[in-house]
Amino acid sequence: MTARNFRVNRQIRIPEVRLIDQDGNQVGVVRTDEARRMAEAAGLDLVEVAPQAAPPVCRILDYGKFKYEQRKKEQRGHKTHSSQLKELRVRPMIDRHDLEYRLKQGRTFLEEGHKVQVVCVFKGRQMEHPEHGLRVMDEVAEVLSDISKIESPPRMMGRRMTMLLSHR
C-alpha cells in the first residue's frame, strides 16, 4: 500500500474500527465517530492502516509524518541490491603491500556479490612495457580465482588495461 491511498479522518465511513492510539496501545473496537473525536482531542489524525482487517484497523497519528515515513520506506524498497560494478585500480609497478590491500578489497566486493573491474593505469614510459601491467592483472586473477571467474580478460584501451571479474 502506498502513502497515497490511506483513508484519513472523514474518509473513513464504516461504523466501527479497531483503534490503536498515538502511543501504540490497542484501545479495541470502537465506533468510528468516537475514534475521530479521540484523534481530534489529541490534535492528530485518524488513519486507516489495515482496511482488509475485520473490523479495519485505524491509528491515531500525525498523517503528514506518516506519509513521509511511508515514502521513505518505499524508496528504501526500490534500492536495487543486485550486483554493482566496483573498481580496483592498480599500477604496473605497484608495491606488494598496496596490491595485497587492493586484493583484500576486491575479495570483499566479490563476496558481497559485486562485479569487480580491475583497472591498471599506465603513465609515461610505462606504456612501453605492457607486460608489467599484464603480470599484475594475472596475479590479481590468480589470487582471487577461488571466488571469482574472469568475465572479460585483460585488454588495453589507451593508457588503461582493464579486466572484469565476477563472483563464481
N, C-alpha and C. Protein backbone atom coordinates (compact mmCIF):
# COMPACT_ATOMS: atom_id res chain seq x y z
N MET A 1 0.84 -1.17 0.00
CA MET A 1 0.00 0.00 0.00
C MET A 1 0.88 1.23 0.00
N THR A 2 0.64 2.16 -0.92
CA THR A 2 1.46 3.36 -0.99
C THR A 2 0.90 4.44 -0.07
N ALA A 3 1.68 5.46 0.16
CA ALA A 3 1.30 6.52 1.08
C ALA A 3 0.09 7.29 0.56
N ARG A 4 -0.25 7.17 -0.70
CA ARG A 4 -1.33 7.98 -1.27
C ARG A 4 -2.72 7.40 -1.04
N ASN A 5 -2.87 6.13 -0.73
CA ASN A 5 -4.21 5.60 -0.65
C ASN A 5 -4.60 5.09 0.74
N PHE A 6 -4.28 5.86 1.75
CA PHE A 6 -4.76 5.59 3.09
C PHE A 6 -5.97 6.50 3.32
N ARG A 7 -7.03 5.95 3.88
CA ARG A 7 -8.18 6.80 4.19
C ARG A 7 -7.91 7.50 5.51
N VAL A 8 -8.29 8.78 5.58
CA VAL A 8 -7.99 9.61 6.73
C VAL A 8 -9.26 10.30 7.22
N ASN A 9 -9.40 10.44 8.53
CA ASN A 9 -10.49 11.17 9.19
C ASN A 9 -11.86 10.92 8.58
N ARG A 10 -12.44 11.90 7.91
CA ARG A 10 -13.82 11.81 7.39
C ARG A 10 -13.95 10.85 6.21
N GLN A 11 -12.83 10.43 5.61
CA GLN A 11 -12.90 9.46 4.51
C GLN A 11 -13.26 8.06 5.02
N ILE A 12 -13.08 7.84 6.31
CA ILE A 12 -13.39 6.54 6.91
C ILE A 12 -14.89 6.54 7.23
N ARG A 13 -15.66 5.73 6.50
CA ARG A 13 -17.12 5.78 6.62
C ARG A 13 -17.74 4.49 7.15
N ILE A 14 -16.97 3.64 7.78
CA ILE A 14 -17.51 2.40 8.32
C ILE A 14 -17.95 2.64 9.77
N PRO A 15 -18.89 1.85 10.30
CA PRO A 15 -19.42 2.13 11.64
C PRO A 15 -18.43 1.90 12.78
N GLU A 16 -17.59 0.82 12.70
CA GLU A 16 -16.67 0.51 13.79
C GLU A 16 -15.26 0.21 13.26
N VAL A 17 -14.27 0.55 14.07
CA VAL A 17 -12.87 0.27 13.71
C VAL A 17 -12.14 -0.27 14.93
N ARG A 18 -11.06 -1.01 14.67
CA ARG A 18 -10.17 -1.43 15.75
C ARG A 18 -9.16 -0.30 15.89
N LEU A 19 -9.07 0.30 17.06
CA LEU A 19 -8.29 1.52 17.25
C LEU A 19 -6.98 1.28 17.98
N ILE A 20 -5.94 1.91 17.47
CA ILE A 20 -4.63 1.94 18.14
C ILE A 20 -4.33 3.41 18.40
N ASP A 21 -4.08 3.75 19.66
CA ASP A 21 -3.88 5.18 20.00
C ASP A 21 -2.49 5.67 19.62
N GLN A 22 -2.24 6.96 19.89
CA GLN A 22 -0.98 7.60 19.48
C GLN A 22 0.25 6.99 20.15
N ASP A 23 0.08 6.27 21.26
CA ASP A 23 1.21 5.64 21.95
C ASP A 23 1.43 4.20 21.49
N GLY A 24 0.59 3.72 20.55
CA GLY A 24 0.74 2.36 20.04
C GLY A 24 -0.02 1.33 20.85
N ASN A 25 -0.85 1.78 21.80
CA ASN A 25 -1.64 0.86 22.62
C ASN A 25 -2.95 0.51 21.92
N GLN A 26 -3.36 -0.75 21.99
CA GLN A 26 -4.63 -1.15 21.39
C GLN A 26 -5.77 -0.73 22.29
N VAL A 27 -6.68 0.07 21.75
CA VAL A 27 -7.84 0.51 22.51
C VAL A 27 -8.95 -0.52 22.38
N GLY A 28 -9.03 -1.13 21.18
CA GLY A 28 -10.06 -2.15 20.93
C GLY A 28 -11.01 -1.66 19.85
N VAL A 29 -12.16 -2.31 19.73
CA VAL A 29 -13.14 -1.94 18.72
C VAL A 29 -14.00 -0.80 19.27
N VAL A 30 -14.01 0.32 18.54
CA VAL A 30 -14.80 1.50 18.95
C VAL A 30 -15.55 2.03 17.74
N ARG A 31 -16.56 2.87 18.01
CA ARG A 31 -17.30 3.50 16.93
C ARG A 31 -16.38 4.49 16.22
N THR A 32 -16.53 4.63 14.93
CA THR A 32 -15.64 5.48 14.12
C THR A 32 -15.71 6.94 14.56
N ASP A 33 -16.94 7.45 14.85
CA ASP A 33 -17.05 8.86 15.27
C ASP A 33 -16.35 9.09 16.60
N GLU A 34 -16.38 8.10 17.51
CA GLU A 34 -15.68 8.20 18.79
C GLU A 34 -14.16 8.22 18.55
N ALA A 35 -13.67 7.36 17.66
CA ALA A 35 -12.24 7.32 17.33
C ALA A 35 -11.79 8.65 16.73
N ARG A 36 -12.65 9.23 15.87
CA ARG A 36 -12.34 10.52 15.24
C ARG A 36 -12.23 11.61 16.31
N ARG A 37 -13.17 11.58 17.29
CA ARG A 37 -13.15 12.57 18.38
C ARG A 37 -11.86 12.44 19.20
N MET A 38 -11.44 11.19 19.47
CA MET A 38 -10.21 10.97 20.23
C MET A 38 -9.00 11.53 19.48
N ALA A 39 -8.97 11.34 18.15
CA ALA A 39 -7.87 11.84 17.33
C ALA A 39 -7.84 13.37 17.34
N GLU A 40 -9.03 14.00 17.21
CA GLU A 40 -9.11 15.46 17.22
C GLU A 40 -8.67 16.01 18.58
N ALA A 41 -9.06 15.33 19.66
CA ALA A 41 -8.69 15.77 21.00
C ALA A 41 -7.17 15.73 21.19
N ALA A 42 -6.51 14.76 20.53
CA ALA A 42 -5.06 14.64 20.63
C ALA A 42 -4.35 15.55 19.62
N GLY A 43 -5.14 16.22 18.75
CA GLY A 43 -4.56 17.10 17.74
C GLY A 43 -3.90 16.32 16.61
N LEU A 44 -4.37 15.08 16.39
CA LEU A 44 -3.79 14.22 15.36
C LEU A 44 -4.87 13.75 14.40
N ASP A 45 -4.52 12.81 13.51
CA ASP A 45 -5.45 12.29 12.51
C ASP A 45 -5.78 10.84 12.79
N LEU A 46 -6.95 10.41 12.30
CA LEU A 46 -7.34 9.01 12.36
C LEU A 46 -7.04 8.43 10.98
N VAL A 47 -6.13 7.44 10.91
CA VAL A 47 -5.69 6.89 9.63
C VAL A 47 -5.99 5.39 9.60
N GLU A 48 -6.63 4.95 8.51
CA GLU A 48 -6.94 3.53 8.33
C GLU A 48 -5.68 2.85 7.79
N VAL A 49 -5.04 2.02 8.62
CA VAL A 49 -3.76 1.40 8.22
C VAL A 49 -3.92 -0.02 7.72
N ALA A 50 -5.03 -0.69 8.07
CA ALA A 50 -5.26 -2.05 7.60
C ALA A 50 -6.73 -2.21 7.21
N PRO A 51 -7.11 -1.74 6.01
CA PRO A 51 -8.52 -1.78 5.59
C PRO A 51 -9.04 -3.20 5.36
N GLN A 52 -8.16 -4.17 5.12
CA GLN A 52 -8.60 -5.53 4.83
C GLN A 52 -9.00 -6.30 6.10
N ALA A 53 -8.63 -5.81 7.27
CA ALA A 53 -8.96 -6.49 8.52
C ALA A 53 -10.45 -6.34 8.82
N ALA A 54 -10.95 -7.19 9.70
CA ALA A 54 -12.36 -7.09 10.09
C ALA A 54 -12.43 -6.97 11.60
N PRO A 55 -12.81 -5.86 12.18
CA PRO A 55 -13.01 -4.56 11.53
C PRO A 55 -11.67 -3.92 11.14
N PRO A 56 -11.69 -2.95 10.21
CA PRO A 56 -10.45 -2.30 9.77
C PRO A 56 -9.69 -1.66 10.94
N VAL A 57 -8.37 -1.67 10.84
CA VAL A 57 -7.52 -1.13 11.90
C VAL A 57 -7.20 0.33 11.57
N CYS A 58 -7.42 1.19 12.56
CA CYS A 58 -7.11 2.61 12.42
C CYS A 58 -6.15 3.02 13.52
N ARG A 59 -5.31 3.99 13.20
CA ARG A 59 -4.35 4.51 14.19
C ARG A 59 -4.55 6.00 14.34
N ILE A 60 -4.26 6.49 15.53
CA ILE A 60 -4.25 7.93 15.76
C ILE A 60 -2.80 8.35 15.62
N LEU A 61 -2.53 9.20 14.62
CA LEU A 61 -1.16 9.64 14.38
C LEU A 61 -1.14 10.91 13.54
N ASP A 62 0.04 11.47 13.38
CA ASP A 62 0.23 12.66 12.54
C ASP A 62 0.34 12.17 11.10
N TYR A 63 -0.68 12.47 10.28
CA TYR A 63 -0.74 11.92 8.93
C TYR A 63 0.41 12.40 8.05
N GLY A 64 0.82 13.66 8.19
CA GLY A 64 1.93 14.19 7.39
C GLY A 64 3.22 13.42 7.66
N LYS A 65 3.49 13.18 8.93
CA LYS A 65 4.69 12.43 9.32
C LYS A 65 4.59 10.98 8.83
N PHE A 66 3.39 10.40 8.94
CA PHE A 66 3.15 9.03 8.50
C PHE A 66 3.40 8.90 7.00
N LYS A 67 2.90 9.86 6.20
CA LYS A 67 3.10 9.83 4.75
C LYS A 67 4.59 9.92 4.42
N TYR A 68 5.30 10.79 5.14
CA TYR A 68 6.74 10.95 4.93
C TYR A 68 7.47 9.64 5.18
N GLU A 69 7.14 8.97 6.30
CA GLU A 69 7.79 7.70 6.64
C GLU A 69 7.46 6.61 5.62
N GLN A 70 6.21 6.59 5.14
CA GLN A 70 5.82 5.61 4.13
C GLN A 70 6.62 5.82 2.85
N ARG A 71 6.78 7.08 2.45
CA ARG A 71 7.55 7.40 1.25
C ARG A 71 8.99 6.94 1.40
N LYS A 72 9.56 7.16 2.58
CA LYS A 72 10.93 6.72 2.84
C LYS A 72 11.04 5.20 2.76
N LYS A 73 10.07 4.48 3.31
CA LYS A 73 10.06 3.02 3.24
C LYS A 73 10.02 2.55 1.80
N GLU A 74 9.17 3.21 0.99
CA GLU A 74 9.07 2.85 -0.43
C GLU A 74 10.40 3.04 -1.13
N GLN A 75 11.05 4.17 -0.85
CA GLN A 75 12.32 4.46 -1.51
C GLN A 75 13.38 3.45 -1.12
N ARG A 76 13.38 3.03 0.16
CA ARG A 76 14.33 2.00 0.58
C ARG A 76 14.06 0.69 -0.14
N GLY A 77 12.79 0.40 -0.39
CA GLY A 77 12.42 -0.82 -1.07
C GLY A 77 12.83 -0.82 -2.53
N HIS A 78 12.98 0.36 -3.13
CA HIS A 78 13.31 0.46 -4.54
C HIS A 78 14.79 0.30 -4.82
N LYS A 79 15.61 0.41 -3.78
CA LYS A 79 17.04 0.27 -3.99
C LYS A 79 17.35 -1.12 -4.50
N THR A 80 18.16 -1.18 -5.53
CA THR A 80 18.49 -2.48 -6.08
C THR A 80 19.65 -3.07 -5.29
N HIS A 81 19.50 -4.30 -4.91
CA HIS A 81 20.57 -4.98 -4.19
C HIS A 81 21.30 -5.93 -5.12
N SER A 82 21.11 -5.69 -6.41
CA SER A 82 21.81 -6.54 -7.38
C SER A 82 23.27 -6.11 -7.42
N SER A 83 24.05 -6.84 -8.17
CA SER A 83 25.48 -6.55 -8.17
C SER A 83 25.76 -5.21 -8.83
N GLN A 84 26.70 -4.52 -8.26
CA GLN A 84 27.17 -3.27 -8.84
C GLN A 84 28.57 -3.52 -9.36
N LEU A 85 29.04 -2.59 -10.16
CA LEU A 85 30.40 -2.70 -10.68
C LEU A 85 31.32 -1.91 -9.77
N LYS A 86 32.27 -2.59 -9.16
CA LYS A 86 33.26 -1.94 -8.30
C LYS A 86 34.58 -1.91 -9.06
N GLU A 87 35.39 -0.92 -8.76
CA GLU A 87 36.65 -0.78 -9.49
C GLU A 87 37.84 -0.93 -8.55
N LEU A 88 38.83 -1.70 -9.00
CA LEU A 88 40.10 -1.82 -8.29
C LEU A 88 41.15 -1.19 -9.19
N ARG A 89 41.80 -0.16 -8.72
CA ARG A 89 42.83 0.49 -9.52
C ARG A 89 44.20 0.01 -9.07
N VAL A 90 44.98 -0.42 -10.02
CA VAL A 90 46.35 -0.87 -9.74
C VAL A 90 47.29 -0.17 -10.72
N ARG A 91 48.57 -0.28 -10.46
CA ARG A 91 49.59 0.31 -11.34
C ARG A 91 50.52 -0.81 -11.79
N PRO A 92 51.20 -0.64 -12.91
CA PRO A 92 52.10 -1.69 -13.40
C PRO A 92 53.22 -2.01 -12.40
N MET A 93 53.70 -1.02 -11.68
CA MET A 93 54.80 -1.24 -10.73
C MET A 93 54.30 -1.06 -9.29
N ILE A 94 53.14 -1.62 -9.00
CA ILE A 94 52.51 -1.45 -7.68
C ILE A 94 53.32 -2.18 -6.60
N ASP A 95 53.38 -1.56 -5.44
CA ASP A 95 54.09 -2.13 -4.30
C ASP A 95 53.34 -3.37 -3.79
N ARG A 96 54.04 -4.33 -3.27
CA ARG A 96 53.45 -5.59 -2.79
C ARG A 96 52.34 -5.33 -1.78
N HIS A 97 52.60 -4.47 -0.78
CA HIS A 97 51.61 -4.19 0.26
C HIS A 97 50.35 -3.54 -0.32
N ASP A 98 50.54 -2.60 -1.24
CA ASP A 98 49.40 -1.93 -1.88
C ASP A 98 48.55 -2.94 -2.65
N LEU A 99 49.22 -3.85 -3.34
CA LEU A 99 48.49 -4.87 -4.10
C LEU A 99 47.71 -5.79 -3.16
N GLU A 100 48.32 -6.18 -2.03
CA GLU A 100 47.62 -7.04 -1.07
C GLU A 100 46.38 -6.35 -0.53
N TYR A 101 46.50 -5.05 -0.26
CA TYR A 101 45.36 -4.28 0.24
C TYR A 101 44.24 -4.25 -0.80
N ARG A 102 44.59 -4.01 -2.05
CA ARG A 102 43.59 -3.97 -3.13
C ARG A 102 42.95 -5.34 -3.33
N LEU A 103 43.75 -6.40 -3.19
CA LEU A 103 43.21 -7.75 -3.32
C LEU A 103 42.21 -8.05 -2.21
N LYS A 104 42.50 -7.58 -0.99
CA LYS A 104 41.57 -7.77 0.12
C LYS A 104 40.26 -7.04 -0.16
N GLN A 105 40.37 -5.82 -0.69
CA GLN A 105 39.18 -5.05 -1.07
C GLN A 105 38.39 -5.79 -2.15
N GLY A 106 39.09 -6.27 -3.16
CA GLY A 106 38.45 -6.99 -4.25
C GLY A 106 37.72 -8.22 -3.76
N ARG A 107 38.33 -8.95 -2.83
CA ARG A 107 37.71 -10.15 -2.26
C ARG A 107 36.41 -9.77 -1.55
N THR A 108 36.43 -8.68 -0.79
CA THR A 108 35.23 -8.22 -0.09
C THR A 108 34.12 -7.90 -1.09
N PHE A 109 34.47 -7.16 -2.14
CA PHE A 109 33.47 -6.80 -3.16
C PHE A 109 32.86 -8.05 -3.79
N LEU A 110 33.71 -9.01 -4.13
CA LEU A 110 33.23 -10.24 -4.78
C LEU A 110 32.34 -11.04 -3.83
N GLU A 111 32.71 -11.11 -2.55
CA GLU A 111 31.91 -11.85 -1.57
C GLU A 111 30.54 -11.21 -1.39
N GLU A 112 30.46 -9.88 -1.57
CA GLU A 112 29.17 -9.18 -1.47
C GLU A 112 28.35 -9.35 -2.73
N GLY A 113 28.92 -10.02 -3.75
CA GLY A 113 28.17 -10.29 -4.98
C GLY A 113 28.37 -9.26 -6.07
N HIS A 114 29.30 -8.33 -5.89
CA HIS A 114 29.55 -7.30 -6.90
C HIS A 114 30.51 -7.82 -7.96
N LYS A 115 30.46 -7.19 -9.13
CA LYS A 115 31.47 -7.46 -10.15
C LYS A 115 32.61 -6.50 -9.89
N VAL A 116 33.81 -6.92 -10.21
CA VAL A 116 34.99 -6.08 -9.97
C VAL A 116 35.72 -5.85 -11.28
N GLN A 117 35.88 -4.57 -11.62
CA GLN A 117 36.65 -4.22 -12.80
C GLN A 117 38.04 -3.80 -12.31
N VAL A 118 39.03 -4.56 -12.72
CA VAL A 118 40.40 -4.27 -12.34
C VAL A 118 40.98 -3.37 -13.43
N VAL A 119 41.46 -2.20 -13.03
CA VAL A 119 41.99 -1.23 -13.99
C VAL A 119 43.45 -0.95 -13.66
N CYS A 120 44.31 -1.18 -14.64
CA CYS A 120 45.73 -0.89 -14.47
C CYS A 120 46.02 0.34 -15.31
N VAL A 121 46.43 1.42 -14.65
CA VAL A 121 46.67 2.69 -15.33
C VAL A 121 48.17 2.86 -15.59
N PHE A 122 48.51 3.14 -16.84
CA PHE A 122 49.91 3.33 -17.25
C PHE A 122 50.19 4.82 -17.37
N LYS A 123 51.38 5.23 -16.92
CA LYS A 123 51.79 6.63 -17.06
C LYS A 123 53.13 6.69 -17.78
N GLY A 124 53.28 7.68 -18.59
CA GLY A 124 54.56 7.96 -19.26
C GLY A 124 55.18 6.76 -19.95
N ARG A 125 56.41 6.45 -19.59
CA ARG A 125 57.16 5.39 -20.25
C ARG A 125 56.69 3.98 -19.90
N GLN A 126 55.80 3.87 -18.90
CA GLN A 126 55.26 2.56 -18.55
C GLN A 126 54.52 1.94 -19.73
N MET A 127 54.06 2.77 -20.66
CA MET A 127 53.34 2.29 -21.84
C MET A 127 54.22 1.37 -22.70
N GLU A 128 55.52 1.54 -22.61
CA GLU A 128 56.44 0.73 -23.41
C GLU A 128 56.54 -0.70 -22.88
N HIS A 129 56.03 -0.94 -21.66
CA HIS A 129 56.13 -2.28 -21.05
C HIS A 129 54.76 -2.74 -20.53
N PRO A 130 53.84 -3.05 -21.45
CA PRO A 130 52.53 -3.51 -21.01
C PRO A 130 52.58 -4.86 -20.29
N GLU A 131 53.69 -5.59 -20.46
CA GLU A 131 53.81 -6.89 -19.80
C GLU A 131 53.81 -6.76 -18.27
N HIS A 132 54.27 -5.58 -17.75
CA HIS A 132 54.24 -5.37 -16.30
C HIS A 132 52.79 -5.29 -15.81
N GLY A 133 51.98 -4.57 -16.55
CA GLY A 133 50.55 -4.47 -16.21
C GLY A 133 49.87 -5.82 -16.31
N LEU A 134 50.22 -6.58 -17.34
CA LEU A 134 49.64 -7.91 -17.54
C LEU A 134 50.02 -8.85 -16.39
N ARG A 135 51.26 -8.71 -15.91
CA ARG A 135 51.71 -9.53 -14.77
C ARG A 135 50.86 -9.21 -13.53
N VAL A 136 50.60 -7.93 -13.28
CA VAL A 136 49.79 -7.53 -12.13
C VAL A 136 48.36 -8.07 -12.28
N MET A 137 47.81 -7.95 -13.49
CA MET A 137 46.45 -8.45 -13.76
C MET A 137 46.37 -9.96 -13.53
N ASP A 138 47.38 -10.68 -14.00
CA ASP A 138 47.40 -12.14 -13.83
C ASP A 138 47.45 -12.51 -12.35
N GLU A 139 48.25 -11.74 -11.58
CA GLU A 139 48.36 -12.02 -10.15
C GLU A 139 47.03 -11.78 -9.45
N VAL A 140 46.35 -10.69 -9.82
CA VAL A 140 45.03 -10.39 -9.23
C VAL A 140 44.07 -11.54 -9.55
N ALA A 141 44.03 -11.95 -10.81
CA ALA A 141 43.13 -13.02 -11.24
C ALA A 141 43.44 -14.33 -10.51
N GLU A 142 44.73 -14.61 -10.33
CA GLU A 142 45.13 -15.86 -9.68
C GLU A 142 44.76 -15.87 -8.20
N VAL A 143 45.05 -14.76 -7.50
CA VAL A 143 44.77 -14.70 -6.07
C VAL A 143 43.27 -14.77 -5.80
N LEU A 144 42.47 -14.14 -6.67
CA LEU A 144 41.02 -14.13 -6.46
C LEU A 144 40.30 -15.27 -7.19
N SER A 145 41.04 -16.19 -7.79
CA SER A 145 40.43 -17.25 -8.60
C SER A 145 39.55 -18.20 -7.79
N ASP A 146 39.79 -18.29 -6.47
CA ASP A 146 38.97 -19.20 -5.65
C ASP A 146 37.53 -18.73 -5.52
N ILE A 147 37.28 -17.41 -5.63
CA ILE A 147 35.90 -16.93 -5.50
C ILE A 147 35.42 -16.18 -6.74
N SER A 148 36.27 -16.07 -7.77
CA SER A 148 35.86 -15.30 -8.95
C SER A 148 36.21 -16.02 -10.24
N LYS A 149 35.59 -15.55 -11.29
CA LYS A 149 35.96 -16.03 -12.62
C LYS A 149 36.16 -14.81 -13.51
N ILE A 150 37.00 -14.95 -14.51
CA ILE A 150 37.30 -13.84 -15.41
C ILE A 150 36.16 -13.75 -16.42
N GLU A 151 35.44 -12.64 -16.37
CA GLU A 151 34.34 -12.43 -17.30
C GLU A 151 34.85 -11.77 -18.58
N SER A 152 35.85 -10.92 -18.43
CA SER A 152 36.45 -10.25 -19.57
C SER A 152 37.96 -10.22 -19.33
N PRO A 153 38.76 -10.85 -20.19
CA PRO A 153 40.21 -10.92 -19.96
C PRO A 153 40.86 -9.54 -20.09
N PRO A 154 42.11 -9.40 -19.59
CA PRO A 154 42.79 -8.10 -19.67
C PRO A 154 42.95 -7.63 -21.11
N ARG A 155 42.62 -6.35 -21.34
CA ARG A 155 42.86 -5.77 -22.66
C ARG A 155 43.15 -4.29 -22.53
N MET A 156 43.98 -3.80 -23.43
CA MET A 156 44.41 -2.40 -23.41
C MET A 156 43.37 -1.51 -24.08
N MET A 157 43.11 -0.37 -23.45
CA MET A 157 42.27 0.67 -24.04
C MET A 157 42.97 1.99 -23.73
N GLY A 158 43.73 2.47 -24.69
CA GLY A 158 44.51 3.69 -24.45
C GLY A 158 45.59 3.44 -23.42
N ARG A 159 45.57 4.20 -22.34
CA ARG A 159 46.57 4.06 -21.27
C ARG A 159 46.06 3.19 -20.13
N ARG A 160 44.96 2.49 -20.36
CA ARG A 160 44.37 1.65 -19.31
C ARG A 160 44.24 0.21 -19.78
N MET A 161 44.55 -0.71 -18.88
CA MET A 161 44.33 -2.12 -19.15
C MET A 161 43.20 -2.53 -18.20
N THR A 162 42.14 -3.13 -18.72
CA THR A 162 41.01 -3.49 -17.88
C THR A 162 40.72 -4.99 -17.95
N MET A 163 40.17 -5.49 -16.85
CA MET A 163 39.77 -6.89 -16.76
C MET A 163 38.54 -6.92 -15.85
N LEU A 164 37.55 -7.74 -16.19
CA LEU A 164 36.33 -7.82 -15.39
C LEU A 164 36.23 -9.18 -14.71
N LEU A 165 36.04 -9.15 -13.39
CA LEU A 165 35.88 -10.37 -12.59
C LEU A 165 34.47 -10.41 -12.02
N SER A 166 33.90 -11.61 -11.95
CA SER A 166 32.59 -11.75 -11.31
C SER A 166 32.63 -12.92 -10.34
N HIS A 167 31.71 -12.91 -9.40
CA HIS A 167 31.66 -13.96 -8.37
C HIS A 167 31.26 -15.28 -9.01
N ARG A 168 31.86 -16.37 -8.54
CA ARG A 168 31.54 -17.71 -9.07
C ARG A 168 30.13 -18.10 -8.74
